[in-house]
Amino acid sequence: MSTMQRGEVMTDLLPWSIVSVAIPVLIVLIAILIVWRILKDRKSGFPRADERTQRITGKAATYTLLIGNYFTLALMFMLIFGREVYNLQNVDAGYLLLSVLLVFSISFLVLSWFFSRKGD
């Protein structure tokens, strides 16, 4: 095994053949779930967007934006101090973007679910 020098990027963390297949599969599954939910709501007569759901979505989006911004700032400081102070290796930008996207998406889903369960 070779040792990594400062500035080298670690690229063999996740096999891209698995990721390249998993991403389209997840997109199709999420699209099926969204269409199923829309059809179920129409069939039951549930309104798509009333005042309560708009308020919940807005509140969840506001908190998600704050969480995502703080997470991005934490990543930035981790990279700056990790590289300059602790002499850590660089991280591939794709992994950083993926982590930010996951934090935004998962926090919005969890907060939307939490606020809808919480009630008024």
Protein backbone atom coordinates (compact mmCIF):
# COMPACT_ATOMS: atom_id res chain seq x y z
CA MET A 1 0.00 0.00 0.00
CA SER A 2 1.19 3.45 -0.80
CA THR A 3 1.08 6.25 1.70
CA MET A 4 -0.73 9.42 0.76
CA GLN A 5 1.19 12.66 0.57
CA ARG A 6 -0.21 16.01 1.59
CA GLY A 7 -2.61 17.34 -1.04
CA GLU A 8 -3.51 13.97 -2.55
CA VAL A 9 -7.16 13.12 -2.84
CA MET A 10 -8.62 9.88 -1.53
CA THR A 11 -10.80 8.58 -4.36
CA ASP A 12 -11.28 4.87 -3.62
CA LEU A 13 -13.68 5.24 -0.70
CA LEU A 14 -16.79 4.21 -2.61
CA PRO A 15 -16.92 2.17 -5.80
CA TRP A 16 -18.47 4.43 -8.43
CA SER A 17 -19.96 1.47 -10.30
CA ILE A 18 -22.33 0.95 -7.36
CA VAL A 19 -23.09 4.65 -7.04
CA SER A 20 -23.75 5.09 -10.75
CA VAL A 21 -26.39 2.36 -10.59
CA ALA A 22 -27.85 3.39 -7.23
CA ILE A 23 -28.52 7.03 -8.14
CA PRO A 24 -30.92 6.35 -11.07
CA VAL A 25 -32.64 3.61 -9.07
CA LEU A 26 -33.22 6.01 -6.17
CA ILE A 27 -34.51 8.70 -8.52
CA VAL A 28 -37.03 6.28 -10.04
CA LEU A 29 -38.14 5.02 -6.62
CA ILE A 30 -38.63 8.55 -5.29
CA ALA A 31 -40.60 9.52 -8.43
CA ILE A 32 -42.85 6.47 -7.97
CA LEU A 33 -43.38 7.39 -4.31
CA ILE A 34 -44.28 11.00 -5.19
CA VAL A 35 -46.74 9.96 -7.92
CA TRP A 36 -48.31 7.37 -5.60
CA ARG A 37 -48.72 9.97 -2.84
CA ILE A 38 -50.29 12.53 -5.20
CA LEU A 39 -52.76 9.97 -6.55
CA LYS A 40 -53.61 8.78 -3.03
CA ASP A 41 -54.23 12.36 -1.85
CA ARG A 42 -56.43 13.15 -4.86
CA LYS A 43 -58.44 9.99 -4.37
CA SER A 44 -59.07 10.73 -0.69
CA GLY A 45 -59.96 14.37 -1.39
CA PHE A 46 -57.10 15.71 0.74
CA PRO A 47 -56.12 19.23 -0.35
CA ARG A 48 -52.63 19.43 -1.82
CA ALA A 49 -51.62 22.65 -0.09
CA ASP A 50 -53.73 24.24 2.62
CA GLU A 51 -52.63 26.89 5.11
CA ARG A 52 -51.33 24.38 7.65
CA THR A 53 -49.19 22.44 5.18
CA GLN A 54 -47.79 25.67 3.73
CA ARG A 55 -46.88 26.86 7.23
CA ILE A 56 -45.27 23.52 8.08
CA THR A 57 -43.32 23.48 4.82
CA GLY A 58 -42.16 27.06 5.34
CA LYS A 59 -41.07 26.42 8.90
CA ALA A 60 -39.24 23.22 7.92
CA ALA A 61 -37.56 24.99 4.99
CA THR A 62 -36.40 27.84 7.23
CA TYR A 63 -34.86 25.50 9.80
CA THR A 64 -33.35 23.38 7.02
CA LEU A 65 -31.67 26.42 5.53
CA LEU A 66 -30.17 27.30 8.90
CA ILE A 67 -29.01 23.72 9.56
CA GLY A 68 -27.51 23.45 6.08
CA ASN A 69 -25.72 26.78 6.36
CA TYR A 70 -24.21 25.86 9.73
CA PHE A 71 -23.18 22.45 8.39
CA THR A 72 -21.51 24.08 5.37
CA LEU A 73 -19.68 26.53 7.64
CA ALA A 74 -18.53 23.64 9.84
CA LEU A 75 -17.22 21.82 6.76
CA MET A 76 -15.40 24.93 5.60
CA PHE A 77 -13.72 25.44 8.98
CA MET A 78 -12.90 21.74 9.17
CA LEU A 79 -11.18 21.91 5.78
CA ILE A 80 -9.29 25.12 6.55
CA PHE A 81 -8.10 24.11 10.01
CA GLY A 82 -7.57 20.50 9.00
CA ARG A 83 -5.33 21.47 6.14
CA GLU A 84 -3.49 24.40 7.70
CA VAL A 85 -3.22 23.44 11.37
CA TYR A 86 -3.41 19.65 11.52
CA ASN A 87 -1.91 18.87 8.09
CA LEU A 88 -4.78 16.56 7.06
CA GLN A 89 -5.30 15.40 3.49
CA ASN A 90 -7.73 17.04 1.08
CA VAL A 91 -11.20 15.63 0.62
CA ASP A 92 -12.75 15.19 -2.81
CA ALA A 93 -15.29 17.93 -3.59
CA GLY A 94 -17.85 15.35 -4.73
CA TYR A 95 -18.03 13.82 -1.27
CA LEU A 96 -18.43 17.24 0.31
CA LEU A 97 -21.23 18.22 -2.06
CA LEU A 98 -22.93 14.88 -1.49
CA SER A 99 -22.76 15.33 2.28
CA VAL A 100 -24.21 18.86 2.07
CA LEU A 101 -27.01 17.66 -0.21
CA LEU A 102 -27.82 14.80 2.17
CA VAL A 103 -27.89 17.11 5.20
CA PHE A 104 -30.26 19.51 3.44
CA SER A 105 -32.55 16.74 2.14
CA ILE A 106 -32.69 14.62 5.26
CA SER A 107 -33.14 17.58 7.59
CA PHE A 108 -36.04 18.90 5.47
CA LEU A 109 -37.74 15.49 5.43
CA VAL A 110 -37.28 14.96 9.18
CA LEU A 111 -38.37 18.48 10.10
CA SER A 112 -41.43 18.31 7.82
CA TRP A 113 -42.42 15.02 9.39
CA PHE A 114 -41.78 16.36 12.92
CA PHE A 115 -43.77 19.56 12.44
CA SER A 116 -46.68 17.71 10.82
CA ARG A 117 -46.80 15.25 13.75
CA LYS A 118 -46.40 17.96 16.36
CA GLY A 119 -49.64 19.67 15.54
CA ASP A 120 -50.49 23.34 16.03
